[in-house]
Amino acid sequence: MEKKLDIMIVDDNPEVADILGKLIETDGHKVTVTYEGEKALKSYQDKKFDLVFVDISMPGMNGIDFTQKLFELDKKARVVAITGHIGTKEVEEILNAGALAFLKKPFSKKDIDQKIEEILKIG
């Protein structure tokens, strides 16, 4: 992977967000971690990110609402949903809201790298 990306992680679980951030940073990407949707949207307004990983289940603004609002700000936003529950209605909803893919918890470094590569190929 050659292109270094500016990536945002939005997850209300600091442990998950920080581990994901550290794994992504090992490839030289710049990572911004946010623990709630409202703050993440404000950050995105200040500076657009190449890719956003967002947890579907969060208190307050959930990942689906976040994704819909993000696309109102930036039609070209690239989102990967993070979930512990595959096959749920929420996964379908966030993909319909514009997320390009989802990452299932627990995830490995290889899973993350594959998602980033997948998104880069999509454009």
C-alpha atoms as a PDB file:
ATOM      1  CA  MET A   1       0.000   0.000   0.000  1.00  0.00           C
ATOM      2  CA  GLU A   2       1.650   3.179  -1.151  1.00  0.00           C
ATOM      3  CA  LYS A   3      -0.822   6.001  -0.714  1.00  0.00           C
ATOM      4  CA  LYS A   4      -0.882   7.371   2.825  1.00  0.00           C
ATOM      5  CA  LEU A   5      -4.393   8.275   3.889  1.00  0.00           C
ATOM      6  CA  ASP A   6      -5.925  10.629   6.400  1.00  0.00           C
ATOM      7  CA  ILE A   7      -8.369   8.384   8.274  1.00  0.00           C
ATOM      8  CA  MET A   8     -10.992   9.130  10.918  1.00  0.00           C
ATOM      9  CA  ILE A   9     -12.263   6.526  13.371  1.00  0.00           C
ATOM     10  CA  VAL A  10     -15.591   7.084  15.117  1.00  0.00           C
ATOM     11  CA  ASP A  11     -16.351   4.570  17.880  1.00  0.00           C
ATOM     12  CA  ASP A  12     -17.795   5.132  21.342  1.00  0.00           C
ATOM     13  CA  ASN A  13     -15.583   2.347  22.708  1.00  0.00           C
ATOM     14  CA  PRO A  14     -12.153   3.976  23.253  1.00  0.00           C
ATOM     15  CA  GLU A  15     -10.428   0.590  23.441  1.00  0.00           C
ATOM     16  CA  VAL A  16     -11.705  -0.503  20.016  1.00  0.00           C
ATOM     17  CA  ALA A  17     -11.098   2.933  18.461  1.00  0.00           C
ATOM     18  CA  ASP A  18      -7.557   3.190  19.817  1.00  0.00           C
ATOM     19  CA  ILE A  19      -6.575  -0.347  18.770  1.00  0.00           C
ATOM     20  CA  LEU A  20      -7.975   0.220  15.279  1.00  0.00           C
ATOM     21  CA  GLY A  21      -6.113   3.543  15.103  1.00  0.00           C
ATOM     22  CA  LYS A  22      -2.805   2.010  16.166  1.00  0.00           C
ATOM     23  CA  LEU A  23      -3.134  -0.826  13.629  1.00  0.00           C
ATOM     24  CA  ILE A  24      -3.851   1.648  10.816  1.00  0.00           C
ATOM     25  CA  GLU A  25      -0.972   3.930  11.855  1.00  0.00           C
ATOM     26  CA  THR A  26       1.527   1.089  11.478  1.00  0.00           C
ATOM     27  CA  ASP A  27       1.156   1.556   7.702  1.00  0.00           C
ATOM     28  CA  GLY A  28       1.970   5.252   7.961  1.00  0.00           C
ATOM     29  CA  HIS A  29      -1.572   6.561   7.666  1.00  0.00           C
ATOM     30  CA  LYS A  30      -2.592   9.572   9.743  1.00  0.00           C
ATOM     31  CA  VAL A  31      -5.404   8.722  12.155  1.00  0.00           C
ATOM     32  CA  THR A  32      -7.874  10.915  14.035  1.00  0.00           C
ATOM     33  CA  VAL A  33      -9.959   9.132  16.668  1.00  0.00           C
ATOM     34  CA  THR A  34     -13.317  10.475  17.838  1.00  0.00           C
ATOM     35  CA  TYR A  35     -15.651   8.802  20.318  1.00  0.00           C
ATOM     36  CA  GLU A  36     -18.957  10.368  19.263  1.00  0.00           C
ATOM     37  CA  GLY A  37     -20.748  11.163  16.025  1.00  0.00           C
ATOM     38  CA  GLU A  38     -21.471  14.863  16.655  1.00  0.00           C
ATOM     39  CA  LYS A  39     -17.794  15.673  17.327  1.00  0.00           C
ATOM     40  CA  ALA A  40     -16.736  13.586  14.336  1.00  0.00           C
ATOM     41  CA  LEU A  41     -19.012  15.556  12.006  1.00  0.00           C
ATOM     42  CA  LYS A  42     -17.581  18.826  13.302  1.00  0.00           C
ATOM     43  CA  SER A  43     -14.041  17.522  12.712  1.00  0.00           C
ATOM     44  CA  TYR A  44     -14.979  16.419   9.204  1.00  0.00           C
ATOM     45  CA  GLN A  45     -16.389  19.876   8.438  1.00  0.00           C
ATOM     46  CA  ASP A  46     -13.032  21.409   9.414  1.00  0.00           C
ATOM     47  CA  LYS A  47     -11.038  18.912   7.388  1.00  0.00           C
ATOM     48  CA  LYS A  48     -12.192  16.194   5.013  1.00  0.00           C
ATOM     49  CA  PHE A  49     -10.773  12.709   5.550  1.00  0.00           C
ATOM     50  CA  ASP A  50      -9.871  10.130   2.899  1.00  0.00           C
ATOM     51  CA  LEU A  51     -11.700   7.392   4.785  1.00  0.00           C
ATOM     52  CA  VAL A  52     -13.949   7.105   7.850  1.00  0.00           C
ATOM     53  CA  PHE A  53     -14.406   3.978   9.963  1.00  0.00           C
ATOM     54  CA  VAL A  54     -17.620   4.321  11.995  1.00  0.00           C
ATOM     55  CA  ASP A  55     -19.191   2.047  14.597  1.00  0.00           C
ATOM     56  CA  ILE A  56     -22.850   1.340  13.837  1.00  0.00           C
ATOM     57  CA  SER A  57     -23.983   1.106  17.478  1.00  0.00           C
ATOM     58  CA  MET A  58     -23.211   4.270  19.431  1.00  0.00           C
ATOM     59  CA  PRO A  59     -25.229   6.220  21.988  1.00  0.00           C
ATOM     60  CA  GLY A  60     -26.562   9.552  20.794  1.00  0.00           C
ATOM     61  CA  MET A  61     -25.891   9.698  17.078  1.00  0.00           C
ATOM     62  CA  ASN A  62     -25.482   6.140  15.804  1.00  0.00           C
ATOM     63  CA  GLY A  63     -23.352   5.173  12.826  1.00  0.00           C
ATOM     64  CA  ILE A  64     -26.275   5.143  10.403  1.00  0.00           C
ATOM     65  CA  ASP A  65     -27.336   8.705  11.288  1.00  0.00           C
ATOM     66  CA  PHE A  66     -23.691   9.793  11.224  1.00  0.00           C
ATOM     67  CA  THR A  67     -23.207   8.316   7.750  1.00  0.00           C
ATOM     68  CA  GLN A  68     -26.350  10.011   6.386  1.00  0.00           C
ATOM     69  CA  LYS A  69     -25.262  13.389   7.797  1.00  0.00           C
ATOM     70  CA  LEU A  70     -21.705  12.880   6.545  1.00  0.00           C
ATOM     71  CA  PHE A  71     -22.961  12.362   2.994  1.00  0.00           C
ATOM     72  CA  GLU A  72     -24.948  15.602   3.279  1.00  0.00           C
ATOM     73  CA  LEU A  73     -21.588  17.299   3.980  1.00  0.00           C
ATOM     74  CA  ASP A  74     -19.562  15.365   1.417  1.00  0.00           C
ATOM     75  CA  LYS A  75     -21.133  13.251  -1.329  1.00  0.00           C
ATOM     76  CA  LYS A  76     -17.719  11.667  -1.986  1.00  0.00           C
ATOM     77  CA  ALA A  77     -17.083  10.537   1.604  1.00  0.00           C
ATOM     78  CA  ARG A  78     -15.783   6.988   1.945  1.00  0.00           C
ATOM     79  CA  VAL A  79     -17.154   5.091   4.934  1.00  0.00           C
ATOM     80  CA  VAL A  80     -16.462   1.653   6.390  1.00  0.00           C
ATOM     81  CA  ALA A  81     -18.952   0.536   9.033  1.00  0.00           C
ATOM     82  CA  ILE A  82     -17.671  -1.290  12.123  1.00  0.00           C
ATOM     83  CA  THR A  83     -19.984  -3.853  13.699  1.00  0.00           C
ATOM     84  CA  GLY A  84     -20.018  -6.797  16.028  1.00  0.00           C
ATOM     85  CA  HIS A  85     -23.218  -8.129  14.457  1.00  0.00           C
ATOM     86  CA  ILE A  86     -23.191  -9.436  10.898  1.00  0.00           C
ATOM     87  CA  GLY A  87     -26.499  -9.898   9.106  1.00  0.00           C
ATOM     88  CA  THR A  88     -28.323  -7.294  11.112  1.00  0.00           C
ATOM     89  CA  LYS A  89     -30.763  -4.784   9.715  1.00  0.00           C
ATOM     90  CA  GLU A  90     -28.324  -2.052  10.799  1.00  0.00           C
ATOM     91  CA  VAL A  91     -25.582  -3.326   8.446  1.00  0.00           C
ATOM     92  CA  GLU A  92     -28.034  -3.165   5.559  1.00  0.00           C
ATOM     93  CA  GLU A  93     -29.165   0.323   6.627  1.00  0.00           C
ATOM     94  CA  ILE A  94     -25.646   1.759   6.860  1.00  0.00           C
ATOM     95  CA  LEU A  95     -24.710   0.287   3.468  1.00  0.00           C
ATOM     96  CA  ASN A  96     -27.884   1.861   2.048  1.00  0.00           C
ATOM     97  CA  ALA A  97     -26.862   5.150   3.696  1.00  0.00           C
ATOM     98  CA  GLY A  98     -23.650   5.075   1.668  1.00  0.00           C
ATOM     99  CA  ALA A  99     -21.051   3.032   3.552  1.00  0.00           C
ATOM    100  CA  LEU A 100     -18.899   1.138   1.077  1.00  0.00           C
ATOM    101  CA  ALA A 101     -18.086  -1.848   3.272  1.00  0.00           C
ATOM    102  CA  PHE A 102     -18.160  -3.143   6.815  1.00  0.00           C
ATOM    103  CA  LEU A 103     -15.554  -4.482   9.200  1.00  0.00           C
ATOM    104  CA  LYS A 104     -16.646  -7.139  11.665  1.00  0.00           C
ATOM    105  CA  LYS A 105     -15.423  -7.072  15.266  1.00  0.00           C
ATOM    106  CA  PRO A 106     -13.171  -8.620  16.355  1.00  0.00           C
ATOM    107  CA  PHE A 107     -10.917  -7.644  13.458  1.00  0.00           C
ATOM    108  CA  SER A 108      -7.310  -8.371  12.578  1.00  0.00           C
ATOM    109  CA  LYS A 109      -4.646  -6.176  10.974  1.00  0.00           C
ATOM    110  CA  LYS A 110      -5.152  -8.190   7.781  1.00  0.00           C
ATOM    111  CA  ASP A 111      -8.921  -7.468   7.825  1.00  0.00           C
ATOM    112  CA  ILE A 112      -8.246  -3.731   8.162  1.00  0.00           C
ATOM    113  CA  ASP A 113      -5.635  -3.716   5.387  1.00  0.00           C
ATOM    114  CA  GLN A 114      -8.013  -5.596   3.075  1.00  0.00           C
ATOM    115  CA  LYS A 115     -10.821  -3.079   3.728  1.00  0.00           C
ATOM    116  CA  ILE A 116      -8.541  -0.123   3.024  1.00  0.00           C
ATOM    117  CA  GLU A 117      -7.304  -1.762  -0.204  1.00  0.00           C
ATOM    118  CA  GLU A 118     -10.900  -2.544  -1.191  1.00  0.00           C
ATOM    119  CA  ILE A 119     -11.945   1.083  -0.691  1.00  0.00           C
ATOM    120  CA  LEU A 120      -8.940   2.417  -2.611  1.00  0.00           C
ATOM    121  CA  LYS A 121      -9.857   0.190  -5.571  1.00  0.00           C
ATOM    122  CA  ILE A 122     -13.423   1.523  -5.532  1.00  0.00           C
ATOM    123  CA  GLY A 123     -11.980   4.991  -5.778  1.00  0.00           C
END
